[in-house]
Structures are given as C-alpha cells and as structure tokens.
Amino acid sequence: MAAWVTHGTGIFKVDPERNIVIPDALESTLQVKVAFDGETIWFRYRWPVERPSLFNDVLVYQDGEWIARGGEALGPNPDFLTEDRVAMMIDDGSVPLFSRYGGYITIGDGLTTFTGSPETEEERTKYLPDTRTDPNDFDTIRPESDLQMLRAAGQFIDLWQWRSSRSNPIGLGDDGFVAEERGGDAGDGPYITNFDYAAGQPMFMFNPDVAGYSALAIDDVISAAVGFNDTYYLSAETAVPFNPDYAWQNGDTIPRRFLQPETESRADVVQPASARWRNGFWDVTLQRSMDTGNPLDDKIFRDRRSYDLAFAVFRNASTMRWHSISLPVSLGLGTTAQIQARRSEPGQPDWTGPWTEIEVYYPGQITWGRLVDLRQHPGADRIAARVPVAYQHSERQLALYGIEMEFAEEIRSQWLWTLAMSLSLIVAFGVAMVLLFRRPEGKA
C-alpha cells in the first residue's frame, strides 16, 4: 500500500542533457464527437489551452541576419513559438495489438529525442514492429517487397493531424500514416520552409497591401499582441516575394513556413473552416470522405463497422515527445462502441449528442521493447497473454510509470541507498538490544 501512495514521487525534475522535461500537469481531458452521413465523416475535438500558439517557428532579423527561432523545443517553449496540435491514429482491426495497446506499439528503441538515442540528420520516427526483422532495432527494416505486402494487408495506421500554425490558418488538416515510418501520404503537404539557404534569407514576406506591413515585430509575436484578426501567416493570398532591399529593422519577424494547398492523398483530411480558440479551449473539426479511394493510404470508413482510435494532444507550446496521449478507444458507426458516431443528414454533421471525454496523459520514455521484456517490465507476461493495457493500469499510473522509466537509474540508486540505510538501522537496533539485555558478569 505504501508503494502506491509514494508511487512516482520525489523524482520530478528537468534534465536537458537527457531530453527530459516533466510537465506540471500529467493528465488532462480531450473531448470528442463524431458524425457521419454515409459519404463524409466528421471528427470534432475540444481540449483546454491557456494561451493558443499561433506561430510555430519564425525568422527574426538581427544585425543583417535572419535567425530562426522556435519550432521543436525541449518541453514548453517560453516564447510560445511552437504550435498546438491534435493527432489521431486510426485502425480498422488490421494492425495486431493496436486495439489493446494503442500507440505504445509504435514506439521502438532509439527514436529521436529519447535518452541515449543517436543523433542523426533524419528524425527516427515511430514504426510498427512487423516492419522490422528485429522489432526492437530501428535499423532492421524489412525489404521493400515485404513492406508492400504488409501495406496491402492493411498493416498501417492512418494518422490525421491538425496544426494551429502550419495548417489551421488555411483550413487544412494533414493526412499521414505510421508503418515503416511516420510519414505523410502521397502528395504535397500543407507547408514548405520559407527560407532560401543559398541566399540566407526568406523566400516570402508579408504583402503590405494585404497585411499593412512587410513583417511583424518579435515582441508583438511573443506577447500575443498579434491575434486571429491579424494577418499572421504566409500564403499565396498574404505573401509576396522577399525584398532584400527593404529597410529591415532588428526584430522584424516573418513566419518560417509558407502555407499551401495539399495535393493527392495528402489532401484527404480537411477542415470545414479554420478553427479558433475560445474561452480557454481549442475546438477543431476535421472531415474526410468515408471512402477516399486510397485504401493503401487511408482506413476506409464503412457503416455498421467499428474502428480503433488513439489520440495525442500537443498544447502549451509543446512538441515532439512533450505531449499527452490516450489509451486506445473504440469508435462505432452504427454499432456499440466507446465513441458513438451520430448518423447525420447529408452534409450536416449532427453535434447535438454529448461529448465523449477521453483521458490523456504524459507518456514519458516507454518503448515497446521495454514493455514486452519481463526483465524490465513485470507486466510483460500480461502483454504476452494479450491483456489490454486498460485492464491493468489507469492513465495516472501510466503517467507515473513513464516518469519512472525516465529516471530509472535515479530510482534504483535511491532504492539501494534506502535499503542500505534500512539494513544499517536493523543491525544497529539488534546490537542495541543485545547490549541492553546483557546481564553484568559476576551477578546472580
């Protein structure tokens, strides 16, 4: 009992050298609604964010140079230069174990930002275990012919994403997958990098005839003086080619991303309209054709069928691993499930039903290889028996376990020190008792 009371306490801290930043809030709630009309399916997400992040990364002019700021950060970005996001994994029952363990099965060893992972030019992303000859070795990817057979058998996860900076302003989502890697579907994504590396300058700037300025001020960006009603993003409608002869001033700021229409299968997931943050919450709706005609890229939604989902929420300017995840959740289209999609009139999503509240939590550095190894995880035998994680642990317990894995060495040292001190006390107590009850010599 004492172990549960003290479980996960005393270790919370920040260790940048090991890519460790523990968030203040380990748990939160994501609200979800789903509607469908036989042709289109809509997903609506709502989650709390104290201050929305309208920017991801920016270019700031300083003494003749354009310097990149923001983007991927170690934990929360104090300047709010990392966007908010929501992501959703979808499976139709084809991926072994996903319905029981959700996104945990995609976390192999050696992924980017995990403690001890090698630094490489390319990000080491999530992947499915069956895409490797050794599921715990990132580099043992199967031959292309094997990967194609796995994809044809439906062994991929459909991945939808929404980004507050790099897709939302022009009303887009983003359609991707997790299989041998985490990647985007075929076609162009919703943004490109706004930088000419040869010239050392942006490719585009704000159109002053549209925005009223050629650049923002970094102080206004950081202080949130720039808001939804301002022109704060670059697109074909708001930008013009960069003018290096303009009288640029220190602090002038231009977004490092240029937003663009998506193409091919990458464009399957869209928004009915760009989302806005209101009263402390993002409220986002994504939609897609139930049958996109791209079965090798997308999970096809059908009436009277059920699906498995797993969610991730990125907020308070957090990115990469510093996010919250959910356990797998079932979705029913005309069938019983944890999330019941509401049948709707053509083109009119029915939002009158209640929200489904889904607990999300900080996952820490837990890999699939560790979870299935009995030497590292006492519950590995339960995974071998295919017992769903939700039957074994609450979200709170999983968050604490994730932290314990990040500080396993400290916990082990602390345990050994406590054991040594306990043994010393026992020995001292025993010696004291012997001395106390020893009778003086020569007395009856």
Protein backbone atom coordinates (compact mmCIF):
# COMPACT_ATOMS: atom_id res chain seq x y z
CA MET A 1 0.00 0.00 0.00
CA ALA A 2 2.80 2.42 0.87
CA ALA A 3 4.33 1.82 -2.55
CA TRP A 4 1.17 3.10 -4.29
CA VAL A 5 0.94 6.15 -2.03
CA THR A 6 4.50 7.22 -2.85
CA HIS A 7 4.46 5.89 -6.42
CA GLY A 8 6.35 8.23 -8.78
CA THR A 9 7.09 10.96 -6.24
CA GLY A 10 10.40 12.62 -5.42
CA ILE A 11 11.90 12.30 -8.93
CA PHE A 12 10.20 15.12 -10.88
CA LYS A 13 12.80 17.40 -12.46
CA VAL A 14 14.29 18.69 -15.70
CA ASP A 15 17.35 17.14 -17.31
CA PRO A 16 18.06 18.77 -20.70
CA GLU A 17 21.10 16.57 -21.35
CA ARG A 18 18.79 13.55 -21.44
CA ASN A 19 15.88 15.31 -23.19
CA ILE A 20 13.76 15.12 -20.04
CA VAL A 21 11.18 17.74 -19.15
CA ILE A 22 8.31 16.62 -16.92
CA PRO A 23 5.13 18.71 -17.44
CA ASP A 24 3.36 20.23 -14.46
CA ALA A 25 0.05 18.58 -15.42
CA LEU A 26 0.37 14.85 -16.04
CA GLU A 27 -3.27 14.35 -17.06
CA SER A 28 -5.99 16.22 -18.91
CA THR A 29 -9.18 15.60 -20.86
CA LEU A 30 -9.84 15.60 -24.60
CA GLN A 31 -13.48 15.81 -25.69
CA VAL A 32 -14.50 14.12 -28.95
CA LYS A 33 -17.63 13.93 -31.11
CA VAL A 34 -18.04 12.05 -34.40
CA ALA A 35 -20.73 12.34 -37.08
CA PHE A 36 -21.20 10.67 -40.47
CA ASP A 37 -23.69 10.75 -43.35
CA GLY A 38 -22.60 7.77 -45.45
CA GLU A 39 -20.32 9.88 -47.64
CA THR A 40 -18.42 12.09 -45.19
CA ILE A 41 -17.19 11.58 -41.63
CA TRP A 42 -16.52 14.45 -39.22
CA PHE A 43 -14.37 14.41 -36.07
CA ARG A 44 -14.65 17.25 -33.59
CA TYR A 45 -12.02 17.75 -30.87
CA ARG A 46 -12.05 20.09 -27.87
CA TRP A 47 -9.27 20.48 -25.29
CA PRO A 48 -8.08 23.16 -22.85
CA VAL A 49 -5.21 25.50 -23.70
CA GLU A 50 -4.50 28.57 -21.56
CA ARG A 51 -2.97 30.52 -24.43
CA PRO A 52 -3.12 29.43 -28.07
CA SER A 53 0.09 29.22 -30.09
CA LEU A 54 -0.47 30.88 -33.46
CA PHE A 55 3.15 30.52 -34.52
CA ASN A 56 5.46 27.58 -34.89
CA ASP A 57 8.87 28.81 -35.97
CA VAL A 58 9.79 32.28 -37.22
CA LEU A 59 12.67 34.16 -38.84
CA VAL A 60 13.88 37.21 -36.90
CA TYR A 61 16.09 39.91 -38.42
CA GLN A 62 19.09 40.76 -36.26
CA ASP A 63 22.11 42.81 -37.36
CA GLY A 64 21.88 41.79 -41.01
CA GLU A 65 20.97 38.15 -40.48
CA TRP A 66 17.72 36.19 -40.45
CA ILE A 67 17.78 33.90 -37.41
CA ALA A 68 15.37 31.01 -36.91
CA ARG A 69 13.56 30.88 -33.58
CA GLY A 70 11.03 28.44 -32.18
CA GLY A 71 9.85 25.17 -33.68
CA GLU A 72 10.78 21.94 -31.97
CA ALA A 73 11.69 22.69 -28.38
CA LEU A 74 12.77 20.77 -25.30
CA GLY A 75 9.48 20.89 -23.45
CA PRO A 76 7.36 24.06 -23.38
CA ASN A 77 8.60 26.98 -25.44
CA PRO A 78 8.61 30.07 -23.18
CA ASP A 79 8.01 32.35 -26.18
CA PHE A 80 5.06 30.28 -27.48
CA LEU A 81 6.84 29.69 -30.78
CA THR A 82 5.78 26.07 -31.10
CA GLU A 83 2.29 25.31 -32.36
CA ASP A 84 -0.57 23.44 -30.70
CA ARG A 85 -1.67 20.19 -32.34
CA VAL A 86 -4.10 17.32 -32.15
CA ALA A 87 -3.37 13.97 -33.78
CA MET A 88 -5.43 10.81 -34.21
CA MET A 89 -4.36 7.27 -35.10
CA ILE A 90 -6.98 5.07 -36.80
CA ASP A 91 -7.08 1.32 -37.40
CA ASP A 92 -9.76 -1.00 -38.74
CA GLY A 93 -8.57 -4.12 -36.90
CA SER A 94 -5.76 -4.95 -39.33
CA VAL A 95 -2.83 -3.94 -37.10
CA PRO A 96 -2.07 -6.60 -34.46
CA LEU A 97 -2.25 -5.34 -30.85
CA PHE A 98 -3.26 -1.75 -31.68
CA SER A 99 -6.74 -2.16 -30.19
CA ARG A 100 -5.16 -3.36 -26.93
CA TYR A 101 -2.08 -1.14 -26.59
CA GLY A 102 -2.61 1.80 -28.94
CA GLY A 103 0.34 3.97 -29.82
CA TYR A 104 2.70 2.10 -27.48
CA ILE A 105 3.31 -0.48 -30.22
CA THR A 106 4.76 2.27 -32.47
CA ILE A 107 7.48 3.33 -30.01
CA GLY A 108 10.59 1.36 -30.91
CA ASP A 109 14.02 1.75 -29.39
CA GLY A 110 16.32 4.55 -30.50
CA LEU A 111 13.71 7.10 -31.54
CA THR A 112 14.69 10.76 -31.83
CA THR A 113 14.64 12.69 -28.52
CA PHE A 114 14.76 9.56 -26.36
CA THR A 115 17.59 9.49 -23.85
CA GLY A 116 20.65 7.83 -25.38
CA SER A 117 19.33 7.83 -28.96
CA PRO A 118 21.98 8.53 -31.59
CA GLU A 119 21.86 11.95 -33.23
CA THR A 120 21.11 11.62 -36.95
CA GLU A 121 20.28 14.09 -39.71
CA GLU A 122 16.91 12.41 -40.24
CA GLU A 123 14.38 12.05 -37.46
CA ARG A 124 13.97 8.48 -36.22
CA THR A 125 10.21 8.21 -36.20
CA LYS A 126 7.58 5.83 -34.91
CA TYR A 127 7.15 2.50 -36.71
CA LEU A 128 5.16 -0.73 -36.48
CA PRO A 129 7.01 -3.77 -35.04
CA ASP A 130 6.23 -6.02 -38.03
CA THR A 131 8.12 -3.68 -40.36
CA ARG A 132 11.40 -4.75 -38.72
CA THR A 133 13.13 -8.13 -38.68
CA ASP A 134 14.05 -7.25 -35.11
CA PRO A 135 11.13 -5.18 -33.72
CA ASN A 136 13.44 -3.51 -31.19
CA ASP A 137 16.09 -2.41 -33.72
CA PHE A 138 15.24 0.65 -35.80
CA ASP A 139 17.83 -0.24 -38.46
CA THR A 140 16.48 -3.72 -39.29
CA ILE A 141 13.80 -2.56 -41.72
CA ARG A 142 12.32 -5.27 -43.90
CA PRO A 143 12.83 -5.36 -47.69
CA GLU A 144 10.54 -3.16 -49.76
CA SER A 145 8.64 -6.18 -51.09
CA ASP A 146 7.74 -7.20 -47.52
CA LEU A 147 6.64 -3.68 -46.68
CA GLN A 148 4.37 -3.58 -49.72
CA MET A 149 2.72 -6.87 -48.68
CA LEU A 150 2.17 -5.55 -45.16
CA ARG A 151 0.59 -2.38 -46.53
CA ALA A 152 -1.69 -4.37 -48.85
CA ALA A 153 -2.81 -6.39 -45.81
CA GLY A 154 -3.81 -3.18 -44.06
CA GLN A 155 -0.92 -3.20 -41.60
CA PHE A 156 -0.57 0.55 -41.35
CA ILE A 157 -2.11 3.15 -39.09
CA ASP A 158 -3.95 6.11 -40.59
CA LEU A 159 -2.66 9.31 -38.96
CA TRP A 160 -4.61 12.57 -39.02
CA GLN A 161 -3.06 15.78 -37.72
CA TRP A 162 -4.18 19.36 -37.19
CA ARG A 163 -1.70 22.14 -36.53
CA SER A 164 -2.53 25.58 -35.16
CA SER A 165 0.16 27.29 -37.26
CA ARG A 166 1.17 25.09 -40.18
CA SER A 167 -2.30 24.07 -41.41
CA ASN A 168 -5.13 25.77 -39.50
CA PRO A 169 -4.94 29.31 -40.96
CA ILE A 170 -5.90 27.99 -44.43
CA GLY A 171 -8.43 25.43 -43.16
CA LEU A 172 -6.43 22.24 -43.65
CA GLY A 173 -5.66 19.09 -41.74
CA ASP A 174 -2.89 16.67 -42.71
CA ASP A 175 -3.17 13.02 -43.74
CA GLY A 176 -0.35 10.62 -42.95
CA PHE A 177 0.46 7.12 -41.74
CA VAL A 178 2.57 5.02 -39.42
CA ALA A 179 4.06 1.86 -40.94
CA GLU A 180 7.80 1.50 -41.58
CA GLU A 181 7.98 5.17 -40.56
CA ARG A 182 5.72 8.03 -39.60
CA GLY A 183 5.16 9.88 -42.83
CA GLY A 184 2.75 11.83 -45.00
CA ASP A 185 0.52 10.33 -47.64
CA ALA A 186 1.38 10.78 -51.32
CA GLY A 187 1.38 14.39 -52.47
CA ASP A 188 2.35 17.82 -51.18
CA GLY A 189 1.86 18.76 -47.53
CA PRO A 190 0.29 21.99 -46.22
CA TYR A 191 3.52 23.96 -45.86
CA ILE A 192 7.06 24.48 -47.13
CA THR A 193 10.06 26.08 -45.43
CA ASN A 194 10.22 29.79 -46.14
CA PHE A 195 13.98 30.14 -46.42
CA ASP A 196 16.49 30.42 -49.25
CA TYR A 197 19.55 28.74 -47.75
CA ALA A 198 21.86 29.85 -50.57
CA ALA A 199 20.93 33.50 -50.10
CA GLY A 200 20.49 33.26 -46.32
CA GLN A 201 17.12 35.00 -46.39
CA PRO A 202 13.36 34.27 -46.52
CA MET A 203 11.70 33.48 -49.85
CA PHE A 204 8.49 35.36 -48.98
CA MET A 205 7.40 38.27 -46.82
CA PHE A 206 4.01 39.75 -45.97
CA ASN A 207 2.21 41.61 -48.72
CA PRO A 208 1.94 45.15 -47.31
CA ASP A 209 -1.11 45.82 -49.49
CA VAL A 210 -2.93 42.96 -47.72
CA ALA A 211 -1.40 42.88 -44.24
CA GLY A 212 -0.50 46.54 -43.87
CA TYR A 213 3.12 45.59 -43.11
CA SER A 214 6.03 43.63 -44.54
CA ALA A 215 6.93 41.95 -41.25
CA LEU A 216 5.70 41.53 -37.70
CA ALA A 217 7.61 42.62 -34.60
CA ILE A 218 9.03 39.79 -32.48
CA ASP A 219 7.92 41.47 -29.26
CA ASP A 220 4.32 41.57 -30.53
CA VAL A 221 4.51 37.90 -31.53
CA ILE A 222 5.81 36.78 -28.13
CA SER A 223 3.41 38.96 -26.13
CA ALA A 224 0.38 37.72 -28.11
CA ALA A 225 -0.34 41.23 -29.38
CA VAL A 226 -0.72 39.51 -32.77
CA GLY A 227 -4.02 37.60 -32.89
CA PHE A 228 -6.51 35.81 -35.12
CA ASN A 229 -7.79 39.05 -36.62
CA ASP A 230 -4.33 39.99 -37.85
CA THR A 231 -2.56 38.68 -40.93
CA TYR A 232 -0.07 36.42 -39.17
CA TYR A 233 0.64 33.66 -41.72
CA LEU A 234 2.11 33.47 -45.22
CA SER A 235 0.17 32.03 -48.15
CA ALA A 236 -0.48 32.88 -51.77
CA GLU A 237 -3.10 35.37 -50.59
CA THR A 238 -0.97 37.14 -47.96
CA ALA A 239 2.61 37.00 -49.25
CA VAL A 240 4.87 38.46 -51.92
CA PRO A 241 8.44 37.51 -52.90
CA PHE A 242 11.03 38.65 -50.38
CA ASN A 243 12.62 42.04 -50.99
CA PRO A 244 16.21 42.11 -49.66
CA ASP A 245 16.45 45.86 -50.34
CA TYR A 246 13.66 46.74 -47.93
CA ALA A 247 14.82 48.71 -44.87
CA TRP A 248 14.69 45.80 -42.45
CA GLN A 249 14.95 46.58 -38.73
CA ASN A 250 16.16 44.45 -35.84
CA GLY A 251 13.25 42.44 -34.51
CA ASP A 252 11.38 42.23 -37.81
CA THR A 253 9.75 38.80 -37.89
CA ILE A 254 8.49 36.62 -40.74
CA PRO A 255 6.98 33.10 -40.41
CA ARG A 256 9.43 30.35 -41.35
CA ARG A 257 6.64 28.40 -43.08
CA PHE A 258 4.69 29.21 -46.23
CA LEU A 259 1.24 27.59 -46.31
CA GLN A 260 -0.03 25.96 -49.49
CA PRO A 261 -2.82 23.70 -50.79
CA GLU A 262 -2.24 19.97 -50.36
CA THR A 263 -2.32 17.55 -53.28
CA GLU A 264 -3.16 13.89 -53.96
CA SER A 265 -3.89 11.62 -50.99
CA ARG A 266 -2.21 14.05 -48.57
CA ALA A 267 -5.21 16.34 -49.12
CA ASP A 268 -7.89 13.86 -47.96
CA VAL A 269 -8.29 15.38 -44.46
CA VAL A 270 -9.54 18.97 -44.37
CA GLN A 271 -11.36 21.40 -42.06
CA PRO A 272 -14.82 22.77 -42.80
CA ALA A 273 -13.31 26.13 -41.75
CA SER A 274 -10.22 27.22 -39.85
CA ALA A 275 -10.61 26.70 -36.09
CA ARG A 276 -10.38 29.36 -33.42
CA TRP A 277 -9.51 29.24 -29.75
CA ARG A 278 -12.31 30.46 -27.47
CA ASN A 279 -12.69 30.74 -23.71
CA GLY A 280 -9.66 28.61 -22.92
CA PHE A 281 -10.36 25.80 -25.43
CA TRP A 282 -9.43 24.80 -28.94
CA ASP A 283 -12.49 23.50 -30.77
CA VAL A 284 -11.40 21.81 -34.01
CA THR A 285 -13.35 19.87 -36.64
CA LEU A 286 -11.74 17.69 -39.32
CA GLN A 287 -13.59 15.93 -42.12
CA ARG A 288 -12.81 13.33 -44.75
CA SER A 289 -14.61 11.22 -47.30
CA MET A 290 -15.51 7.90 -45.70
CA ASP A 291 -14.10 6.12 -48.77
CA THR A 292 -11.23 8.15 -50.23
CA GLY A 293 -10.45 5.62 -52.93
CA ASN A 294 -6.95 5.31 -51.45
CA PRO A 295 -7.03 2.06 -49.41
CA LEU A 296 -3.24 1.84 -49.28
CA ASP A 297 -3.05 5.27 -47.64
CA ASP A 298 -6.29 5.57 -45.66
CA LYS A 299 -8.52 3.45 -43.48
CA ILE A 300 -11.89 3.29 -45.25
CA PHE A 301 -14.89 4.03 -43.02
CA ARG A 302 -17.97 1.88 -43.56
CA ASP A 303 -21.40 1.89 -41.97
CA ARG A 304 -22.02 -0.79 -39.30
CA ARG A 305 -18.31 -1.15 -38.65
CA SER A 306 -16.13 -0.37 -35.63
CA TYR A 307 -12.65 1.15 -35.52
CA ASP A 308 -9.86 1.74 -33.02
CA LEU A 309 -8.53 5.22 -32.30
CA ALA A 310 -5.72 6.71 -30.24
CA PHE A 311 -5.26 10.43 -29.67
CA ALA A 312 -2.42 12.83 -28.95
CA VAL A 313 -2.71 16.44 -27.80
CA PHE A 314 0.12 18.96 -28.10
CA ARG A 315 -0.51 22.14 -26.12
CA ASN A 316 1.13 24.99 -24.25
CA ALA A 317 3.74 25.20 -26.99
CA SER A 318 4.87 21.59 -26.63
CA THR A 319 6.15 19.37 -29.42
CA MET A 320 7.75 16.01 -30.22
CA ARG A 321 7.54 13.80 -27.10
CA TRP A 322 6.21 16.56 -24.87
CA HIS A 323 2.55 15.86 -25.42
CA SER A 324 -0.34 13.85 -23.96
CA ILE A 325 -1.66 10.56 -25.35
CA SER A 326 -4.72 8.39 -24.84
CA LEU A 327 -5.27 4.69 -24.47
CA PRO A 328 -6.97 3.05 -27.48
CA VAL A 329 -10.65 3.96 -27.82
CA SER A 330 -13.29 2.21 -29.95
CA LEU A 331 -15.43 4.07 -32.49
CA GLY A 332 -18.75 2.70 -33.75
CA LEU A 333 -20.56 3.72 -36.93
CA GLY A 334 -24.00 2.33 -36.20
CA THR A 335 -22.50 -0.15 -33.72
CA THR A 336 -21.88 -0.06 -29.97
CA ALA A 337 -18.51 1.46 -29.00
CA GLN A 338 -16.92 3.92 -26.59
CA ILE A 339 -17.47 6.72 -29.12
CA GLN A 340 -20.81 6.54 -30.92
CA ALA A 341 -20.77 8.34 -34.27
CA ARG A 342 -24.07 10.14 -34.89
CA ARG A 343 -25.82 9.44 -38.16
CA SER A 344 -26.46 12.79 -39.86
CA GLU A 345 -28.26 14.38 -42.77
CA PRO A 346 -26.14 14.77 -45.93
CA GLY A 347 -23.52 17.45 -45.36
CA GLN A 348 -24.93 18.38 -41.93
CA PRO A 349 -22.95 16.89 -39.03
CA ASP A 350 -25.16 16.31 -36.00
CA TRP A 351 -23.38 17.68 -32.91
CA THR A 352 -26.39 17.50 -30.57
CA GLY A 353 -25.13 14.45 -28.68
CA PRO A 354 -22.83 14.55 -25.63
CA TRP A 355 -19.07 14.76 -25.79
CA THR A 356 -17.08 11.60 -25.16
CA GLU A 357 -14.45 12.54 -22.59
CA ILE A 358 -11.09 10.84 -23.10
CA GLU A 359 -8.31 10.99 -20.53
CA VAL A 360 -4.93 11.93 -21.97
CA TYR A 361 -1.65 11.73 -20.09
CA TYR A 362 2.10 12.28 -20.32
CA PRO A 363 3.69 9.07 -21.72
CA GLY A 364 7.36 9.50 -20.82
CA GLN A 365 10.07 7.41 -22.46
CA ILE A 366 8.45 3.98 -22.61
CA THR A 367 9.38 1.80 -25.57
CA TRP A 368 7.57 -1.27 -26.85
CA GLY A 369 10.76 -3.29 -26.40
CA ARG A 370 10.84 -2.46 -22.70
CA LEU A 371 7.17 -3.30 -22.23
CA VAL A 372 7.48 -6.81 -23.68
CA ASP A 373 10.69 -7.63 -21.78
CA LEU A 374 9.91 -9.41 -18.50
CA ARG A 375 13.31 -8.38 -17.10
CA GLN A 376 12.35 -4.70 -17.44
CA HIS A 377 8.57 -4.86 -17.08
CA PRO A 378 6.89 -7.24 -14.63
CA GLY A 379 3.67 -6.95 -16.63
CA ALA A 380 5.24 -8.30 -19.83
CA ASP A 381 3.57 -11.66 -19.20
CA ARG A 382 0.18 -9.92 -19.31
CA ILE A 383 1.08 -8.41 -22.70
CA ALA A 384 2.12 -11.88 -23.89
CA ALA A 385 -1.34 -13.04 -22.81
CA ARG A 386 -2.84 -10.12 -24.83
CA VAL A 387 -4.46 -8.46 -21.82
CA PRO A 388 -5.40 -4.87 -22.82
CA VAL A 389 -3.46 -2.14 -21.05
CA ALA A 390 -6.70 -0.50 -19.87
CA TYR A 391 -7.45 -3.64 -17.81
CA GLN A 392 -4.15 -3.29 -15.95
CA HIS A 393 -3.44 0.42 -15.46
CA SER A 394 -5.16 3.78 -15.12
CA GLU A 395 -3.93 6.80 -17.05
CA ARG A 396 -2.47 8.22 -13.83
CA GLN A 397 -0.46 5.07 -13.20
CA LEU A 398 0.82 5.05 -16.78
CA ALA A 399 1.98 8.68 -16.49
CA LEU A 400 3.88 7.86 -13.31
CA TYR A 401 5.40 4.74 -14.84
CA GLY A 402 6.56 6.85 -17.77
CA ILE A 403 8.35 9.20 -15.42
CA GLU A 404 9.90 6.29 -13.53
CA MET A 405 11.33 4.96 -16.79
CA GLU A 406 12.95 8.34 -17.47
CA PHE A 407 14.58 8.32 -14.04
CA ALA A 408 15.13 4.57 -13.66
CA GLU A 409 18.77 4.98 -12.65
CA GLU A 410 18.00 7.58 -10.00
CA ILE A 411 15.20 5.44 -8.61
CA ARG A 412 17.46 2.40 -8.48
CA SER A 413 20.17 4.37 -6.67
CA GLN A 414 17.60 5.80 -4.28
CA TRP A 415 16.24 2.30 -3.59
CA LEU A 416 19.73 0.90 -2.92
CA TRP A 417 20.55 3.81 -0.60
CA THR A 418 17.26 3.29 1.27
CA LEU A 419 17.93 -0.46 1.53
CA ALA A 420 21.42 0.14 2.87
CA MET A 421 20.14 2.61 5.44
CA SER A 422 17.37 0.22 6.49
CA LEU A 423 19.83 -2.64 6.93
CA SER A 424 22.10 -0.39 8.95
CA LEU A 425 19.21 0.57 11.23
CA ILE A 426 18.25 -3.07 11.69
CA VAL A 427 21.82 -4.02 12.60
CA ALA A 428 22.13 -1.05 14.96
CA PHE A 429 18.83 -1.94 16.60
CA GLY A 430 19.97 -5.55 17.07
CA VAL A 431 23.27 -4.50 18.65
CA ALA A 432 21.45 -2.09 20.95
CA MET A 433 19.06 -4.80 22.10
CA VAL A 434 21.94 -7.20 22.84
CA LEU A 435 23.73 -4.55 24.90
CA LEU A 436 20.54 -3.63 26.72
CA PHE A 437 19.70 -7.13 27.85
CA ARG A 438 23.22 -8.39 28.53
CA ARG A 439 23.48 -9.14 32.25
CA PRO A 440 26.57 -7.87 34.14
CA GLU A 441 29.15 -10.62 34.91
CA GLY A 442 29.51 -11.97 38.46
CA LYS A 443 25.89 -11.21 39.47
CA ALA A 444 23.17 -13.77 40.14
